[in-house]
Amino acid sequence: MGERWKRWMTSGLFCAVMSSLVFSVMNALVKAVSVHIPSNEIVFFRSAIGTVLILLLMRVQGVRASHVGIPLLVLRGSLGALYMLAYFYTIAYMPLVDAIILVNLSPVFSFILAAIFLKEKLPERMGLILPVIFAGAMLTINPLGYSTYSAVAFFGIAAAVLSGAAGVCIRYLSRSFHAYEIILYFMAAATLISIPLMWRDFVVPTPWELFLLTAMGVVSLLAQVFLTKAFTHENVVIVEVVRYIGILFNAFWGFAIWAEIPTWNVVAGGALIVSGCILLSHAAAKRR
């Protein structure tokens, strides 16, 4: 029993589940601290702490910064920074599970952008699956009942687009650069871009808020470690599918802390989006 438990604790599936759980904790911390701290300022603290931690990891493990390919690394970092700004803004002003569902549209844009820029073939039946995912997005946004909620939802879609674009950059850069270096440019770019955006509305955090911001930075790096181990030890498609359990984790935090109950259209839309993305992942796996 002990040996079986040890194997499970080091498996790719366990790491994928833990990654989703820890990322959901980060999202809850973002939403909690956003009550008084603007989202741009949250991005600054999260990325500044992440920059320091990743530099320490690089130093401990002897990973050196490259002197070539800087423009592409900066592009990846900038896309990731803009993604984080849109993502945290969405979390701050939408129910937690609604925001996460919209951001989970990112695999769709990743496939499309990879086909355009990396000349990868699109998964089979994508033309049939995309309308299902689009219908799910429309149900979640509810554009017919347009409101401030609907306007914020478009930031969630923007975050998904930027996440997909950043993912394509990572796929290309990972052939030549260490993962820590790619993360470093992401964290550093987010720190620099968020400074002018937060400067005008900067709010001095209370000791409790500063604790939450620090915890968020540490937790997010831990989640990245679990995610990296998951992709190292398990099939990529399986990891991507298992990561959708994160929607349930985020729904739990939203209900337990803020009494958020998803509406019928969010549940139906989320089911269509997740089902469509899983089908796309399976189709992509068959293509490889």
Protein backbone atom coordinates (compact mmCIF):
# COMPACT_ATOMS: atom_id res chain seq x y z
CA MET A 1 0.00 0.00 0.00
CA GLY A 2 2.82 2.39 0.88
CA GLU A 3 4.66 1.73 -2.37
CA ARG A 4 1.48 2.20 -4.41
CA TRP A 5 0.77 5.50 -2.65
CA LYS A 6 4.35 6.65 -3.29
CA ARG A 7 4.01 5.87 -7.02
CA TRP A 8 0.73 7.82 -7.16
CA MET A 9 2.30 10.80 -5.36
CA THR A 10 5.04 11.00 -8.01
CA SER A 11 2.82 10.29 -11.03
CA GLY A 12 2.01 12.76 -13.79
CA LEU A 13 -1.72 12.54 -13.04
CA PHE A 14 -1.18 13.46 -9.38
CA CYS A 15 0.97 16.43 -10.42
CA ALA A 16 -1.69 17.54 -12.93
CA VAL A 17 -4.41 17.43 -10.25
CA MET A 18 -2.18 19.25 -7.75
CA SER A 19 -1.34 21.88 -10.37
CA SER A 20 -5.06 22.56 -10.91
CA LEU A 21 -5.68 22.68 -7.15
CA VAL A 22 -2.79 25.05 -6.42
CA PHE A 23 -3.67 27.32 -9.37
CA SER A 24 -7.24 27.49 -8.01
CA VAL A 25 -5.83 28.60 -4.64
CA MET A 26 -3.87 31.32 -6.47
CA ASN A 27 -7.07 32.45 -8.22
CA ALA A 28 -8.89 32.61 -4.89
CA LEU A 29 -6.06 34.70 -3.41
CA VAL A 30 -6.23 37.06 -6.42
CA LYS A 31 -9.98 37.50 -6.00
CA ALA A 32 -9.68 37.99 -2.23
CA VAL A 33 -7.00 40.67 -2.45
CA SER A 34 -8.70 42.42 -5.40
CA VAL A 35 -11.39 43.76 -3.05
CA HIS A 36 -9.11 46.71 -2.23
CA ILE A 37 -6.05 46.24 -4.47
CA PRO A 38 -6.38 47.06 -8.22
CA SER A 39 -5.75 44.13 -10.58
CA ASN A 40 -2.75 45.87 -12.22
CA GLU A 41 -1.08 46.18 -8.84
CA ILE A 42 -1.77 42.50 -8.11
CA VAL A 43 -0.03 41.60 -11.37
CA PHE A 44 2.99 43.67 -10.28
CA PHE A 45 3.35 41.93 -6.92
CA ARG A 46 2.74 38.47 -8.37
CA SER A 47 5.30 38.95 -11.15
CA ALA A 48 7.89 40.79 -9.05
CA ILE A 49 7.87 38.01 -6.45
CA GLY A 50 7.96 35.43 -9.23
CA THR A 51 10.96 37.16 -10.82
CA VAL A 52 12.94 37.01 -7.59
CA LEU A 53 12.04 33.35 -6.98
CA ILE A 54 12.87 32.21 -10.53
CA LEU A 55 16.22 34.05 -10.41
CA LEU A 56 17.03 32.21 -7.19
CA LEU A 57 16.09 28.89 -8.80
CA MET A 58 18.26 29.65 -11.82
CA ARG A 59 21.18 30.51 -9.57
CA VAL A 60 20.80 27.38 -7.42
CA GLN A 61 20.48 25.08 -10.44
CA GLY A 62 23.14 26.82 -12.51
CA VAL A 63 20.86 27.93 -15.36
CA ARG A 64 22.46 30.82 -17.27
CA ALA A 65 20.66 33.47 -19.31
CA SER A 66 21.07 33.23 -23.08
CA HIS A 67 22.52 35.95 -25.27
CA VAL A 68 20.58 34.97 -28.40
CA GLY A 69 16.90 34.85 -29.25
CA ILE A 70 16.14 37.81 -27.00
CA PRO A 71 13.38 39.31 -29.24
CA LEU A 72 11.36 36.07 -29.17
CA LEU A 73 11.82 35.74 -25.41
CA VAL A 74 10.62 39.33 -24.97
CA LEU A 75 7.61 38.63 -27.22
CA ARG A 76 6.67 35.59 -25.14
CA GLY A 77 7.13 37.60 -21.96
CA SER A 78 4.98 40.47 -23.26
CA LEU A 79 2.17 38.15 -24.38
CA GLY A 80 2.24 36.43 -21.01
CA ALA A 81 2.19 39.78 -19.21
CA LEU A 82 -0.83 41.02 -21.17
CA TYR A 83 -2.52 37.66 -20.54
CA MET A 84 -2.00 38.04 -16.80
CA LEU A 85 -3.38 41.59 -16.81
CA ALA A 86 -6.55 40.50 -18.65
CA TYR A 87 -6.85 37.31 -16.55
CA PHE A 88 -6.59 38.99 -13.15
CA TYR A 89 -9.00 41.75 -14.24
CA THR A 90 -11.53 39.08 -15.23
CA ILE A 91 -11.14 37.25 -11.91
CA ALA A 92 -11.58 40.50 -9.99
CA TYR A 93 -14.91 41.42 -11.60
CA MET A 94 -16.55 38.10 -12.52
CA PRO A 95 -17.60 35.05 -10.49
CA LEU A 96 -14.53 32.85 -10.18
CA VAL A 97 -15.81 29.83 -12.10
CA ASP A 98 -17.18 32.01 -14.94
CA ALA A 99 -13.77 33.62 -15.42
CA ILE A 100 -11.95 30.27 -15.42
CA ILE A 101 -14.36 28.78 -17.98
CA LEU A 102 -13.69 31.62 -20.41
CA VAL A 103 -9.91 31.44 -19.97
CA ASN A 104 -10.13 27.70 -20.74
CA LEU A 105 -10.90 28.67 -24.33
CA SER A 106 -7.14 29.07 -24.80
CA PRO A 107 -6.52 25.64 -26.45
CA VAL A 108 -8.72 26.69 -29.38
CA PHE A 109 -6.64 29.78 -30.08
CA SER A 110 -3.43 27.82 -29.49
CA PHE A 111 -4.36 25.36 -32.28
CA ILE A 112 -5.30 28.17 -34.68
CA LEU A 113 -2.20 30.26 -34.01
CA ALA A 114 0.09 27.22 -34.20
CA ALA A 115 -1.37 26.46 -37.62
CA ILE A 116 -0.71 30.03 -38.78
CA PHE A 117 2.78 30.62 -37.34
CA LEU A 118 4.24 27.13 -36.84
CA LYS A 119 2.56 25.59 -39.91
CA GLU A 120 1.07 22.81 -37.78
CA LYS A 121 -1.96 20.98 -39.15
CA LEU A 122 -5.29 21.72 -37.49
CA PRO A 123 -6.97 18.78 -35.71
CA GLU A 124 -9.50 16.83 -37.73
CA ARG A 125 -13.17 17.80 -37.35
CA MET A 126 -12.14 21.17 -35.91
CA GLY A 127 -14.71 22.80 -38.20
CA LEU A 128 -17.42 20.74 -36.49
CA ILE A 129 -16.14 21.24 -32.95
CA LEU A 130 -15.55 25.00 -33.10
CA PRO A 131 -19.28 25.91 -33.38
CA VAL A 132 -19.91 23.88 -30.20
CA ILE A 133 -17.20 25.79 -28.33
CA PHE A 134 -18.42 29.11 -29.75
CA ALA A 135 -21.96 28.32 -28.57
CA GLY A 136 -20.56 27.56 -25.11
CA ALA A 137 -18.72 30.89 -25.03
CA MET A 138 -21.87 32.78 -26.04
CA LEU A 139 -23.90 31.03 -23.35
CA THR A 140 -21.30 31.93 -20.72
CA ILE A 141 -21.03 35.58 -21.83
CA ASN A 142 -24.79 35.97 -22.41
CA PRO A 143 -24.43 38.86 -24.91
CA LEU A 144 -28.22 39.23 -25.30
CA GLY A 145 -28.39 40.31 -21.66
CA TYR A 146 -25.51 42.76 -22.19
CA SER A 147 -24.21 44.34 -19.01
CA THR A 148 -20.98 45.24 -17.26
CA TYR A 149 -20.63 41.50 -16.64
CA SER A 150 -20.69 40.83 -20.39
CA ALA A 151 -18.12 43.56 -21.03
CA VAL A 152 -15.74 42.06 -18.46
CA ALA A 153 -16.25 38.63 -20.05
CA PHE A 154 -14.51 39.86 -23.19
CA PHE A 155 -11.38 40.41 -21.10
CA GLY A 156 -11.64 36.70 -20.27
CA ILE A 157 -11.70 35.86 -23.97
CA ALA A 158 -8.77 38.23 -24.55
CA ALA A 159 -6.89 36.38 -21.81
CA ALA A 160 -7.62 33.09 -23.61
CA VAL A 161 -6.30 34.50 -26.91
CA LEU A 162 -3.14 35.82 -25.26
CA SER A 163 -2.64 32.56 -23.37
CA GLY A 164 -2.91 30.62 -26.63
CA ALA A 165 -0.40 32.95 -28.30
CA ALA A 166 2.00 32.67 -25.36
CA GLY A 167 1.65 28.89 -25.50
CA VAL A 168 2.67 28.84 -29.17
CA CYS A 169 5.74 30.95 -28.31
CA ILE A 170 6.63 28.56 -25.48
CA ARG A 171 6.32 25.57 -27.80
CA TYR A 172 8.76 27.20 -30.21
CA LEU A 173 11.18 28.52 -27.58
CA SER A 174 11.30 25.28 -25.58
CA ARG A 175 13.33 23.74 -28.40
CA SER A 176 16.27 26.01 -27.56
CA PHE A 177 15.78 27.57 -24.12
CA HIS A 178 15.49 26.32 -20.54
CA ALA A 179 12.01 26.52 -19.03
CA TYR A 180 13.26 28.74 -16.19
CA GLU A 181 14.56 31.32 -18.66
CA ILE A 182 11.22 31.42 -20.49
CA ILE A 183 9.42 31.92 -17.17
CA LEU A 184 11.92 34.64 -16.19
CA TYR A 185 11.10 36.75 -19.24
CA PHE A 186 7.38 36.27 -18.54
CA MET A 187 7.73 37.43 -14.92
CA ALA A 188 10.10 40.31 -15.74
CA ALA A 189 7.92 41.59 -18.61
CA ALA A 190 4.81 41.49 -16.42
CA THR A 191 6.64 43.43 -13.71
CA LEU A 192 7.78 46.17 -16.10
CA ILE A 193 4.48 46.47 -17.99
CA SER A 194 2.38 46.62 -14.81
CA ILE A 195 4.40 49.47 -13.22
CA PRO A 196 3.03 52.35 -15.37
CA LEU A 197 -0.47 50.80 -15.32
CA MET A 198 -0.66 50.64 -11.53
CA TRP A 199 1.25 53.85 -10.74
CA ARG A 200 -1.71 56.21 -10.83
CA ASP A 201 -4.04 54.06 -8.70
CA PHE A 202 -1.47 52.46 -6.40
CA VAL A 203 -2.91 51.34 -3.05
CA VAL A 204 -0.56 50.69 -0.14
CA PRO A 205 -1.34 47.11 0.99
CA THR A 206 -2.18 46.41 4.60
CA PRO A 207 0.00 43.79 6.37
CA TRP A 208 -2.71 41.16 5.70
CA GLU A 209 -2.98 42.11 2.02
CA LEU A 210 0.82 42.03 1.71
CA PHE A 211 0.77 38.52 3.18
CA LEU A 212 -1.87 37.44 0.64
CA LEU A 213 0.14 38.96 -2.23
CA THR A 214 3.31 37.19 -1.09
CA ALA A 215 1.45 33.90 -0.67
CA MET A 216 0.03 34.32 -4.18
CA GLY A 217 3.52 34.68 -5.66
CA VAL A 218 4.84 31.59 -3.85
CA VAL A 219 1.74 29.50 -4.62
CA SER A 220 1.82 30.39 -8.32
CA LEU A 221 5.44 29.20 -8.62
CA LEU A 222 4.57 25.96 -6.82
CA ALA A 223 1.73 25.43 -9.30
CA GLN A 224 4.15 25.94 -12.20
CA VAL A 225 6.46 23.29 -10.72
CA PHE A 226 3.60 20.76 -10.46
CA LEU A 227 2.51 21.57 -14.02
CA THR A 228 6.04 21.11 -15.39
CA LYS A 229 6.37 17.73 -13.62
CA ALA A 230 2.96 16.67 -14.94
CA PHE A 231 3.97 17.32 -18.55
CA THR A 232 7.29 15.56 -17.92
CA HIS A 233 5.78 12.36 -16.50
CA GLU A 234 2.49 12.02 -18.38
CA ASN A 235 0.93 12.18 -21.85
CA VAL A 236 0.28 15.82 -22.78
CA VAL A 237 -3.35 15.23 -23.80
CA ILE A 238 -4.14 13.38 -20.57
CA VAL A 239 -2.64 16.23 -18.54
CA GLU A 240 -4.67 18.82 -20.46
CA VAL A 241 -7.90 16.88 -19.90
CA VAL A 242 -7.21 16.29 -16.19
CA ARG A 243 -6.47 19.99 -15.71
CA TYR A 244 -10.14 20.77 -16.39
CA ILE A 245 -10.81 19.54 -12.86
CA GLY A 246 -9.57 23.01 -11.96
CA ILE A 247 -13.01 24.34 -12.92
CA LEU A 248 -14.49 22.30 -10.07
CA PHE A 249 -11.84 23.54 -7.62
CA ASN A 250 -12.53 27.16 -8.60
CA ALA A 251 -16.28 26.60 -8.35
CA PHE A 252 -15.76 25.25 -4.82
CA TRP A 253 -13.74 28.31 -3.70
CA GLY A 254 -16.27 30.65 -5.33
CA PHE A 255 -19.15 28.98 -3.48
CA ALA A 256 -17.36 28.42 -0.15
CA ILE A 257 -15.89 31.92 0.17
CA TRP A 258 -18.16 34.23 -1.86
CA ALA A 259 -21.37 32.15 -2.08
CA GLU A 260 -21.17 32.25 -5.88
CA ILE A 261 -23.63 29.90 -7.57
CA PRO A 262 -23.17 29.46 -11.33
CA THR A 263 -26.26 30.24 -13.43
CA TRP A 264 -27.72 27.64 -15.80
CA ASN A 265 -26.21 29.32 -18.86
CA VAL A 266 -22.71 29.28 -17.30
CA VAL A 267 -23.03 25.57 -16.44
CA ALA A 268 -24.30 24.73 -19.94
CA GLY A 269 -21.72 26.96 -21.62
CA GLY A 270 -18.91 25.55 -19.53
CA ALA A 271 -19.95 21.98 -20.39
CA LEU A 272 -19.86 22.80 -24.12
CA ILE A 273 -16.47 24.54 -23.88
CA VAL A 274 -14.83 21.76 -21.86
CA SER A 275 -16.33 19.00 -24.04
CA GLY A 276 -15.23 20.77 -27.21
CA CYS A 277 -11.68 21.36 -25.96
CA ILE A 278 -11.35 17.72 -24.85
CA LEU A 279 -12.48 16.57 -28.30
CA LEU A 280 -9.92 18.90 -29.88
CA SER A 281 -7.19 17.48 -27.63
CA HIS A 282 -8.09 13.93 -28.65
CA ALA A 283 -8.13 14.91 -32.31
CA ALA A 284 -4.73 16.56 -31.93
CA ALA A 285 -3.33 13.43 -30.25
CA LYS A 286 -4.44 11.25 -33.17
CA ARG A 287 -2.78 13.67 -35.60
CA ARG A 288 0.63 13.37 -33.91
